[in-house]
mmCIF file of all heavy atoms, coordinates in Angstrom:
data_MODEL
# 
_entry.id   MODEL 
# 
loop_
_atom_site.group_PDB 
_atom_site.id 
_atom_site.type_symbol 
_atom_site.label_atom_id 
_atom_site.label_alt_id 
_atom_site.label_comp_id 
_atom_site.label_asym_id 
_atom_site.label_entity_id 
_atom_site.label_seq_id 
_atom_site.pdbx_PDB_ins_code 
_atom_site.Cartn_x 
_atom_site.Cartn_y 
_atom_site.Cartn_z 
_atom_site.occupancy 
_atom_site.B_iso_or_equiv 
_atom_site.pdbx_formal_charge 
_atom_site.auth_seq_id 
_atom_site.auth_comp_id 
_atom_site.auth_asym_id 
_atom_site.auth_atom_id 
_atom_site.pdbx_PDB_model_num 
ATOM 1   N N   . ALA A 1 1  ? 84.710  99.487  120.367 1.00 0.00 ? 1  ALA A N   1 
ATOM 2   C CA  . ALA A 1 1  ? 86.032  99.511  119.715 1.00 0.00 ? 1  ALA A CA  1 
ATOM 3   C C   . ALA A 1 1  ? 85.960  100.241 118.386 1.00 0.00 ? 1  ALA A C   1 
ATOM 4   O O   . ALA A 1 1  ? 84.993  100.110 117.635 1.00 0.00 ? 1  ALA A O   1 
ATOM 5   C CB  . ALA A 1 1  ? 86.536  98.084  119.507 1.00 0.00 ? 1  ALA A CB  1 
ATOM 6   N N   . LEU A 1 2  ? 86.993  101.030 118.104 1.00 0.00 ? 2  LEU A N   1 
ATOM 7   C CA  . LEU A 1 2  ? 87.082  101.695 116.807 1.00 0.00 ? 2  LEU A CA  1 
ATOM 8   C C   . LEU A 1 2  ? 87.124  100.655 115.713 1.00 0.00 ? 2  LEU A C   1 
ATOM 9   O O   . LEU A 1 2  ? 87.789  99.631  115.821 1.00 0.00 ? 2  LEU A O   1 
ATOM 10  C CB  . LEU A 1 2  ? 88.314  102.586 116.761 1.00 0.00 ? 2  LEU A CB  1 
ATOM 11  C CG  . LEU A 1 2  ? 88.184  103.874 117.575 1.00 0.00 ? 2  LEU A CG  1 
ATOM 12  C CD1 . LEU A 1 2  ? 89.546  104.456 117.904 1.00 0.00 ? 2  LEU A CD1 1 
ATOM 13  C CD2 . LEU A 1 2  ? 87.350  104.878 116.823 1.00 0.00 ? 2  LEU A CD2 1 
ATOM 14  N N   . GLU A 1 3  ? 86.365  100.915 114.653 1.00 0.00 ? 3  GLU A N   1 
ATOM 15  C CA  . GLU A 1 3  ? 86.165  99.933  113.607 1.00 0.00 ? 3  GLU A CA  1 
ATOM 16  C C   . GLU A 1 3  ? 87.404  99.681  112.738 1.00 0.00 ? 3  GLU A C   1 
ATOM 17  O O   . GLU A 1 3  ? 87.719  98.559  112.357 1.00 0.00 ? 3  GLU A O   1 
ATOM 18  C CB  . GLU A 1 3  ? 85.011  100.387 112.723 1.00 0.00 ? 3  GLU A CB  1 
ATOM 19  C CG  . GLU A 1 3  ? 84.509  99.343  111.769 1.00 0.00 ? 3  GLU A CG  1 
ATOM 20  C CD  . GLU A 1 3  ? 83.215  99.772  111.074 1.00 0.00 ? 3  GLU A CD  1 
ATOM 21  O OE1 . GLU A 1 3  ? 82.511  100.639 111.620 1.00 0.00 ? 3  GLU A OE1 1 
ATOM 22  O OE2 . GLU A 1 3  ? 82.949  99.243  110.001 1.00 0.00 ? 3  GLU A OE2 1 
ATOM 23  N N   . PHE A 1 4  ? 88.136  100.736 112.415 1.00 0.00 ? 4  PHE A N   1 
ATOM 24  C CA  . PHE A 1 4  ? 89.316  100.628 111.580 1.00 0.00 ? 4  PHE A CA  1 
ATOM 25  C C   . PHE A 1 4  ? 90.550  101.000 112.394 1.00 0.00 ? 4  PHE A C   1 
ATOM 26  O O   . PHE A 1 4  ? 90.656  102.124 112.884 1.00 0.00 ? 4  PHE A O   1 
ATOM 27  C CB  . PHE A 1 4  ? 89.208  101.541 110.349 1.00 0.00 ? 4  PHE A CB  1 
ATOM 28  C CG  . PHE A 1 4  ? 88.087  101.175 109.429 1.00 0.00 ? 4  PHE A CG  1 
ATOM 29  C CD1 . PHE A 1 4  ? 86.852  101.759 109.549 1.00 0.00 ? 4  PHE A CD1 1 
ATOM 30  C CD2 . PHE A 1 4  ? 88.283  100.200 108.455 1.00 0.00 ? 4  PHE A CD2 1 
ATOM 31  C CE1 . PHE A 1 4  ? 85.799  101.416 108.709 1.00 0.00 ? 4  PHE A CE1 1 
ATOM 32  C CE2 . PHE A 1 4  ? 87.232  99.837  107.614 1.00 0.00 ? 4  PHE A CE2 1 
ATOM 33  C CZ  . PHE A 1 4  ? 85.989  100.445 107.753 1.00 0.00 ? 4  PHE A CZ  1 
ATOM 34  N N   . VAL A 1 5  ? 91.486  100.054 112.558 1.00 0.00 ? 5  VAL A N   1 
ATOM 35  C CA  . VAL A 1 5  ? 92.682  100.296 113.367 1.00 0.00 ? 5  VAL A CA  1 
ATOM 36  C C   . VAL A 1 5  ? 93.910  99.908  112.564 1.00 0.00 ? 5  VAL A C   1 
ATOM 37  O O   . VAL A 1 5  ? 93.942  98.868  111.908 1.00 0.00 ? 5  VAL A O   1 
ATOM 38  C CB  . VAL A 1 5  ? 92.629  99.484  114.684 1.00 0.00 ? 5  VAL A CB  1 
ATOM 39  C CG1 . VAL A 1 5  ? 93.875  99.707  115.515 1.00 0.00 ? 5  VAL A CG1 1 
ATOM 40  C CG2 . VAL A 1 5  ? 91.395  99.859  115.499 1.00 0.00 ? 5  VAL A CG2 1 
ATOM 41  N N   . ASP A 1 6  ? 94.932  100.757 112.625 1.00 0.00 ? 6  ASP A N   1 
ATOM 42  C CA  . ASP A 1 6  ? 96.195  100.512 111.950 1.00 0.00 ? 6  ASP A CA  1 
ATOM 43  C C   . ASP A 1 6  ? 97.299  100.511 113.012 1.00 0.00 ? 6  ASP A C   1 
ATOM 44  O O   . ASP A 1 6  ? 97.157  101.124 114.055 1.00 0.00 ? 6  ASP A O   1 
ATOM 45  C CB  . ASP A 1 6  ? 96.462  101.607 110.916 1.00 0.00 ? 6  ASP A CB  1 
ATOM 46  C CG  . ASP A 1 6  ? 97.578  101.254 109.957 1.00 0.00 ? 6  ASP A CG  1 
ATOM 47  O OD1 . ASP A 1 6  ? 97.813  100.055 109.736 1.00 0.00 ? 6  ASP A OD1 1 
ATOM 48  O OD2 . ASP A 1 6  ? 98.231  102.180 109.440 1.00 0.00 ? 6  ASP A OD2 1 
ATOM 49  N N   . HIS A 1 7  ? 98.391  99.819  112.727 1.00 0.00 ? 7  HIS A N   1 
ATOM 50  C CA  . HIS A 1 7  ? 99.471  99.602  113.674 1.00 0.00 ? 7  HIS A CA  1 
ATOM 51  C C   . HIS A 1 7  ? 100.784 99.948  112.987 1.00 0.00 ? 7  HIS A C   1 
ATOM 52  O O   . HIS A 1 7  ? 101.065 99.453  111.903 1.00 0.00 ? 7  HIS A O   1 
ATOM 53  C CB  . HIS A 1 7  ? 99.441  98.124  114.081 1.00 0.00 ? 7  HIS A CB  1 
ATOM 54  C CG  . HIS A 1 7  ? 100.512 97.691  115.016 1.00 0.00 ? 7  HIS A CG  1 
ATOM 55  N ND1 . HIS A 1 7  ? 100.279 96.762  115.986 1.00 0.00 ? 7  HIS A ND1 1 
ATOM 56  C CD2 . HIS A 1 7  ? 101.800 98.008  115.146 1.00 0.00 ? 7  HIS A CD2 1 
ATOM 57  C CE1 . HIS A 1 7  ? 101.387 96.542  116.669 1.00 0.00 ? 7  HIS A CE1 1 
ATOM 58  N NE2 . HIS A 1 7  ? 102.328 97.308  116.163 1.00 0.00 ? 7  HIS A NE2 1 
ATOM 59  N N   . ASP A 1 8  ? 101.599 100.793 113.616 1.00 0.00 ? 8  ASP A N   1 
ATOM 60  C CA  . ASP A 1 8  ? 102.930 101.124 113.120 1.00 0.00 ? 8  ASP A CA  1 
ATOM 61  C C   . ASP A 1 8  ? 103.939 100.888 114.241 1.00 0.00 ? 8  ASP A C   1 
ATOM 62  O O   . ASP A 1 8  ? 103.641 101.181 115.405 1.00 0.00 ? 8  ASP A O   1 
ATOM 63  C CB  . ASP A 1 8  ? 103.024 102.588 112.676 1.00 0.00 ? 8  ASP A CB  1 
ATOM 64  C CG  . ASP A 1 8  ? 102.190 102.859 111.438 1.00 0.00 ? 8  ASP A CG  1 
ATOM 65  O OD1 . ASP A 1 8  ? 102.363 102.153 110.432 1.00 0.00 ? 8  ASP A OD1 1 
ATOM 66  O OD2 . ASP A 1 8  ? 101.365 103.793 111.486 1.00 0.00 ? 8  ASP A OD2 1 
ATOM 67  N N   . SER A 1 9  ? 105.123 100.376 113.890 1.00 0.00 ? 9  SER A N   1 
ATOM 68  C CA  . SER A 1 9  ? 106.164 100.144 114.904 1.00 0.00 ? 9  SER A CA  1 
ATOM 69  C C   . SER A 1 9  ? 107.508 100.608 114.414 1.00 0.00 ? 9  SER A C   1 
ATOM 70  O O   . SER A 1 9  ? 107.806 100.573 113.223 1.00 0.00 ? 9  SER A O   1 
ATOM 71  C CB  . SER A 1 9  ? 106.278 98.626  115.187 1.00 0.00 ? 9  SER A CB  1 
ATOM 72  O OG  . SER A 1 9  ? 105.124 98.128  115.766 1.00 0.00 ? 9  SER A OG  1 
ATOM 73  N N   . THR A 1 10 ? 108.326 101.042 115.363 1.00 0.00 ? 10 THR A N   1 
ATOM 74  C CA  . THR A 1 10 ? 109.734 101.303 115.150 1.00 0.00 ? 10 THR A CA  1 
ATOM 75  C C   . THR A 1 10 ? 110.455 100.594 116.310 1.00 0.00 ? 10 THR A C   1 
ATOM 76  O O   . THR A 1 10 ? 109.777 100.063 117.200 1.00 0.00 ? 10 THR A O   1 
ATOM 77  C CB  . THR A 1 10 ? 110.074 102.815 115.149 1.00 0.00 ? 10 THR A CB  1 
ATOM 78  O OG1 . THR A 1 10 ? 109.911 103.320 116.473 1.00 0.00 ? 10 THR A OG1 1 
ATOM 79  C CG2 . THR A 1 10 ? 109.212 103.586 114.185 1.00 0.00 ? 10 THR A CG2 1 
ATOM 80  N N   . PRO A 1 11 ? 111.772 100.569 116.359 1.00 0.00 ? 11 PRO A N   1 
ATOM 81  C CA  . PRO A 1 11 ? 112.441 99.899  117.457 1.00 0.00 ? 11 PRO A CA  1 
ATOM 82  C C   . PRO A 1 11 ? 112.077 100.459 118.841 1.00 0.00 ? 11 PRO A C   1 
ATOM 83  O O   . PRO A 1 11 ? 112.149 99.759  119.827 1.00 0.00 ? 11 PRO A O   1 
ATOM 84  C CB  . PRO A 1 11 ? 113.924 100.104 117.160 1.00 0.00 ? 11 PRO A CB  1 
ATOM 85  C CG  . PRO A 1 11 ? 113.991 100.196 115.682 1.00 0.00 ? 11 PRO A CG  1 
ATOM 86  C CD  . PRO A 1 11 ? 112.731 100.939 115.290 1.00 0.00 ? 11 PRO A CD  1 
ATOM 87  N N   . CYS A 1 12 ? 111.674 101.715 118.927 1.00 0.00 ? 12 CYS A N   1 
ATOM 88  C CA  . CYS A 1 12 ? 111.371 102.328 120.245 1.00 0.00 ? 12 CYS A CA  1 
ATOM 89  C C   . CYS A 1 12 ? 109.936 102.803 120.391 1.00 0.00 ? 12 CYS A C   1 
ATOM 90  O O   . CYS A 1 12 ? 109.590 103.351 121.434 1.00 0.00 ? 12 CYS A O   1 
ATOM 91  C CB  . CYS A 1 12 ? 112.300 103.516 120.491 1.00 0.00 ? 12 CYS A CB  1 
ATOM 92  S SG  . CYS A 1 12 ? 114.036 103.052 120.600 1.00 0.00 ? 12 CYS A SG  1 
ATOM 93  N N   . THR A 1 13 ? 109.082 102.606 119.374 1.00 0.00 ? 13 THR A N   1 
ATOM 94  C CA  . THR A 1 13 ? 107.703 103.101 119.451 1.00 0.00 ? 13 THR A CA  1 
ATOM 95  C C   . THR A 1 13 ? 106.699 102.132 118.874 1.00 0.00 ? 13 THR A C   1 
ATOM 96  O O   . THR A 1 13 ? 107.020 101.294 118.027 1.00 0.00 ? 13 THR A O   1 
ATOM 97  C CB  . THR A 1 13 ? 107.536 104.441 118.720 1.00 0.00 ? 13 THR A CB  1 
ATOM 98  O OG1 . THR A 1 13 ? 107.755 104.217 117.322 1.00 0.00 ? 13 THR A OG1 1 
ATOM 99  C CG2 . THR A 1 13 ? 108.448 105.521 119.233 1.00 0.00 ? 13 THR A CG2 1 
ATOM 100 N N   . ILE A 1 14 ? 105.491 102.264 119.337 1.00 0.00 ? 14 ILE A N   1 
ATOM 101 C CA  . ILE A 1 14 ? 104.319 101.604 118.754 1.00 0.00 ? 14 ILE A CA  1 
ATOM 102 C C   . ILE A 1 14 ? 103.277 102.704 118.604 1.00 0.00 ? 14 ILE A C   1 
ATOM 103 O O   . ILE A 1 14 ? 103.062 103.512 119.487 1.00 0.00 ? 14 ILE A O   1 
ATOM 104 C CB  . ILE A 1 14 ? 103.729 100.520 119.679 1.00 0.00 ? 14 ILE A CB  1 
ATOM 105 C CG1 . ILE A 1 14 ? 104.733 99.388  119.922 1.00 0.00 ? 14 ILE A CG1 1 
ATOM 106 C CG2 . ILE A 1 14 ? 102.433 99.975  119.111 1.00 0.00 ? 14 ILE A CG2 1 
ATOM 107 C CD1 . ILE A 1 14 ? 104.257 98.397  120.972 1.00 0.00 ? 14 ILE A CD1 1 
ATOM 108 N N   . LYS A 1 15 ? 102.584 102.716 117.443 1.00 0.00 ? 15 LYS A N   1 
ATOM 109 C CA  . LYS A 1 15 ? 101.493 103.677 117.256 1.00 0.00 ? 15 LYS A CA  1 
ATOM 110 C C   . LYS A 1 15 ? 100.281 102.936 116.740 1.00 0.00 ? 15 LYS A C   1 
ATOM 111 O O   . LYS A 1 15 ? 100.352 102.229 115.730 1.00 0.00 ? 15 LYS A O   1 
ATOM 112 C CB  . LYS A 1 15 ? 101.892 104.785 116.278 1.00 0.00 ? 15 LYS A CB  1 
ATOM 113 C CG  . LYS A 1 15 ? 100.775 105.811 116.101 1.00 0.00 ? 15 LYS A CG  1 
ATOM 114 C CD  . LYS A 1 15 ? 101.237 107.056 115.360 1.00 0.00 ? 15 LYS A CD  1 
ATOM 115 C CE  . LYS A 1 15 ? 101.176 106.830 113.888 1.00 0.00 ? 15 LYS A CE  1 
ATOM 116 N NZ  . LYS A 1 15 ? 101.372 108.044 113.093 1.00 0.00 ? 15 LYS A NZ  1 
ATOM 117 N N   . LEU A 1 16 ? 99.169  103.076 117.457 1.00 0.00 ? 16 LEU A N   1 
ATOM 118 C CA  . LEU A 1 16 ? 97.878  102.562 117.016 1.00 0.00 ? 16 LEU A CA  1 
ATOM 119 C C   . LEU A 1 16 ? 97.027  103.735 116.569 1.00 0.00 ? 16 LEU A C   1 
ATOM 120 O O   . LEU A 1 16 ? 96.906  104.716 117.298 1.00 0.00 ? 16 LEU A O   1 
ATOM 121 C CB  . LEU A 1 16 ? 97.157  101.836 118.139 1.00 0.00 ? 16 LEU A CB  1 
ATOM 122 C CG  . LEU A 1 16 ? 97.747  100.501 118.567 1.00 0.00 ? 16 LEU A CG  1 
ATOM 123 C CD1 . LEU A 1 16 ? 96.952  99.925  119.742 1.00 0.00 ? 16 LEU A CD1 1 
ATOM 124 C CD2 . LEU A 1 16 ? 97.785  99.489  117.448 1.00 0.00 ? 16 LEU A CD2 1 
ATOM 125 N N   . THR A 1 17 ? 96.464  103.634 115.368 1.00 0.00 ? 17 THR A N   1 
ATOM 126 C CA  . THR A 1 17 ? 95.607  104.681 114.826 1.00 0.00 ? 17 THR A CA  1 
ATOM 127 C C   . THR A 1 17 ? 94.246  104.068 114.554 1.00 0.00 ? 17 THR A C   1 
ATOM 128 O O   . THR A 1 17 ? 94.144  103.067 113.838 1.00 0.00 ? 17 THR A O   1 
ATOM 129 C CB  . THR A 1 17 ? 96.175  105.253 113.522 1.00 0.00 ? 17 THR A CB  1 
ATOM 130 O OG1 . THR A 1 17 ? 97.488  105.743 113.761 1.00 0.00 ? 17 THR A OG1 1 
ATOM 131 C CG2 . THR A 1 17 ? 95.303  106.371 112.962 1.00 0.00 ? 17 THR A CG2 1 
ATOM 132 N N   . GLY A 1 18 ? 93.210  104.636 115.145 1.00 0.00 ? 18 GLY A N   1 
ATOM 133 C CA  . GLY A 1 18 ? 91.864  104.160 114.936 1.00 0.00 ? 18 GLY A CA  1 
ATOM 134 C C   . GLY A 1 18 ? 90.984  105.226 114.305 1.00 0.00 ? 18 GLY A C   1 
ATOM 135 O O   . GLY A 1 18 ? 91.152  106.415 114.610 1.00 0.00 ? 18 GLY A O   1 
ATOM 136 N N   . ILE A 1 19 ? 90.063  104.811 113.429 1.00 0.00 ? 19 ILE A N   1 
ATOM 137 C CA  . ILE A 1 19 ? 89.164  105.753 112.758 1.00 0.00 ? 19 ILE A CA  1 
ATOM 138 C C   . ILE A 1 19 ? 87.731  105.300 112.973 1.00 0.00 ? 19 ILE A C   1 
ATOM 139 O O   . ILE A 1 19 ? 87.417  104.115 112.811 1.00 0.00 ? 19 ILE A O   1 
ATOM 140 C CB  . ILE A 1 19 ? 89.494  105.846 111.241 1.00 0.00 ? 19 ILE A CB  1 
ATOM 141 C CG1 . ILE A 1 19 ? 90.873  106.431 111.047 1.00 0.00 ? 19 ILE A CG1 1 
ATOM 142 C CG2 . ILE A 1 19 ? 88.427  106.668 110.516 1.00 0.00 ? 19 ILE A CG2 1 
ATOM 143 C CD1 . ILE A 1 19 ? 91.347  106.457 109.610 1.00 0.00 ? 19 ILE A CD1 1 
ATOM 144 N N   . ASP A 1 20 ? 86.883  106.251 113.336 1.00 0.00 ? 20 ASP A N   1 
ATOM 145 C CA  . ASP A 1 20 ? 85.439  106.030 113.421 1.00 0.00 ? 20 ASP A CA  1 
ATOM 146 C C   . ASP A 1 20 ? 84.827  106.594 112.151 1.00 0.00 ? 20 ASP A C   1 
ATOM 147 O O   . ASP A 1 20 ? 84.766  107.816 111.990 1.00 0.00 ? 20 ASP A O   1 
ATOM 148 C CB  . ASP A 1 20 ? 84.871  106.709 114.659 1.00 0.00 ? 20 ASP A CB  1 
ATOM 149 C CG  . ASP A 1 20 ? 83.378  106.495 114.788 1.00 0.00 ? 20 ASP A CG  1 
ATOM 150 O OD1 . ASP A 1 20 ? 82.924  105.355 114.584 1.00 0.00 ? 20 ASP A OD1 1 
ATOM 151 O OD2 . ASP A 1 20 ? 82.666  107.477 115.056 1.00 0.00 ? 20 ASP A OD2 1 
ATOM 152 N N   . PRO A 1 21 ? 84.385  105.737 111.214 1.00 0.00 ? 21 PRO A N   1 
ATOM 153 C CA  . PRO A 1 21 ? 83.914  106.234 109.921 1.00 0.00 ? 21 PRO A CA  1 
ATOM 154 C C   . PRO A 1 21 ? 82.640  107.065 110.013 1.00 0.00 ? 21 PRO A C   1 
ATOM 155 O O   . PRO A 1 21 ? 82.416  107.939 109.177 1.00 0.00 ? 21 PRO A O   1 
ATOM 156 C CB  . PRO A 1 21 ? 83.691  104.960 109.099 1.00 0.00 ? 21 PRO A CB  1 
ATOM 157 C CG  . PRO A 1 21 ? 83.533  103.877 110.093 1.00 0.00 ? 21 PRO A CG  1 
ATOM 158 C CD  . PRO A 1 21 ? 84.317  104.274 111.289 1.00 0.00 ? 21 PRO A CD  1 
ATOM 159 N N   . ASP A 1 22 ? 81.814  106.846 111.043 1.00 0.00 ? 22 ASP A N   1 
ATOM 160 C CA  . ASP A 1 22 ? 80.571  107.603 111.156 1.00 0.00 ? 22 ASP A CA  1 
ATOM 161 C C   . ASP A 1 22 ? 80.779  109.076 111.450 1.00 0.00 ? 22 ASP A C   1 
ATOM 162 O O   . ASP A 1 22 ? 80.033  109.924 110.992 1.00 0.00 ? 22 ASP A O   1 
ATOM 163 C CB  . ASP A 1 22 ? 79.674  106.993 112.252 1.00 0.00 ? 22 ASP A CB  1 
ATOM 164 C CG  . ASP A 1 22 ? 79.188  105.606 111.895 1.00 0.00 ? 22 ASP A CG  1 
ATOM 165 O OD1 . ASP A 1 22 ? 79.137  105.285 110.679 1.00 0.00 ? 22 ASP A OD1 1 
ATOM 166 O OD2 . ASP A 1 22 ? 78.873  104.842 112.815 1.00 0.00 ? 22 ASP A OD2 1 
ATOM 167 N N   . THR A 1 23 ? 81.814  109.379 112.229 1.00 0.00 ? 23 THR A N   1 
ATOM 168 C CA  . THR A 1 23 ? 82.052  110.773 112.641 1.00 0.00 ? 23 THR A CA  1 
ATOM 169 C C   . THR A 1 23 ? 83.307  111.375 112.017 1.00 0.00 ? 23 THR A C   1 
ATOM 170 O O   . THR A 1 23 ? 83.510  112.576 112.098 1.00 0.00 ? 23 THR A O   1 
ATOM 171 C CB  . THR A 1 23 ? 82.195  110.856 114.163 1.00 0.00 ? 23 THR A CB  1 
ATOM 172 O OG1 . THR A 1 23 ? 83.292  110.037 114.569 1.00 0.00 ? 23 THR A OG1 1 
ATOM 173 C CG2 . THR A 1 23 ? 80.928  110.444 114.860 1.00 0.00 ? 23 THR A CG2 1 
ATOM 174 N N   . GLY A 1 24 ? 84.174  110.542 111.426 1.00 0.00 ? 24 GLY A N   1 
ATOM 175 C CA  . GLY A 1 24 ? 85.422  111.025 110.866 1.00 0.00 ? 24 GLY A CA  1 
ATOM 176 C C   . GLY A 1 24 ? 86.462  111.331 111.921 1.00 0.00 ? 24 GLY A C   1 
ATOM 177 O O   . GLY A 1 24 ? 87.420  112.044 111.679 1.00 0.00 ? 24 GLY A O   1 
ATOM 178 N N   . ILE A 1 25 ? 86.291  110.782 113.139 1.00 0.00 ? 25 ILE A N   1 
ATOM 179 C CA  . ILE A 1 25 ? 87.239  111.001 114.220 1.00 0.00 ? 25 ILE A CA  1 
ATOM 180 C C   . ILE A 1 25 ? 88.402  110.008 114.065 1.00 0.00 ? 25 ILE A C   1 
ATOM 181 O O   . ILE A 1 25 ? 88.192  108.830 113.846 1.00 0.00 ? 25 ILE A O   1 
ATOM 182 C CB  . ILE A 1 25 ? 86.568  110.794 115.597 1.00 0.00 ? 25 ILE A CB  1 
ATOM 183 C CG1 . ILE A 1 25 ? 85.456  111.821 115.797 1.00 0.00 ? 25 ILE A CG1 1 
ATOM 184 C CG2 . ILE A 1 25 ? 87.583  110.855 116.728 1.00 0.00 ? 25 ILE A CG2 1 
ATOM 185 C CD1 . ILE A 1 25 ? 85.920  113.247 115.899 1.00 0.00 ? 25 ILE A CD1 1 
ATOM 186 N N   . LYS A 1 26 ? 89.629  110.540 114.185 1.00 0.00 ? 26 LYS A N   1 
ATOM 187 C CA  . LYS A 1 26 ? 90.831  109.699 114.141 1.00 0.00 ? 26 LYS A CA  1 
ATOM 188 C C   . LYS A 1 26 ? 91.549  109.840 115.484 1.00 0.00 ? 26 LYS A C   1 
ATOM 189 O O   . LYS A 1 26 ? 91.791  110.945 115.952 1.00 0.00 ? 26 LYS A O   1 
ATOM 190 C CB  . LYS A 1 26 ? 91.744  110.150 113.016 1.00 0.00 ? 26 LYS A CB  1 
ATOM 191 C CG  . LYS A 1 26 ? 93.025  109.344 112.913 1.00 0.00 ? 26 LYS A CG  1 
ATOM 192 C CD  . LYS A 1 26 ? 93.811  109.640 111.648 1.00 0.00 ? 26 LYS A CD  1 
ATOM 193 C CE  . LYS A 1 26 ? 94.663  110.859 111.811 1.00 0.00 ? 26 LYS A CE  1 
ATOM 194 N NZ  . LYS A 1 26 ? 95.595  111.063 110.688 1.00 0.00 ? 26 LYS A NZ  1 
# 
């Protein structure tokens, strides 16, 4: 599992953003 995960919501959307700190991949 990605170590750092953020969650954003609107009435019609959900967005999960994950970051792997070792590689800088988002």
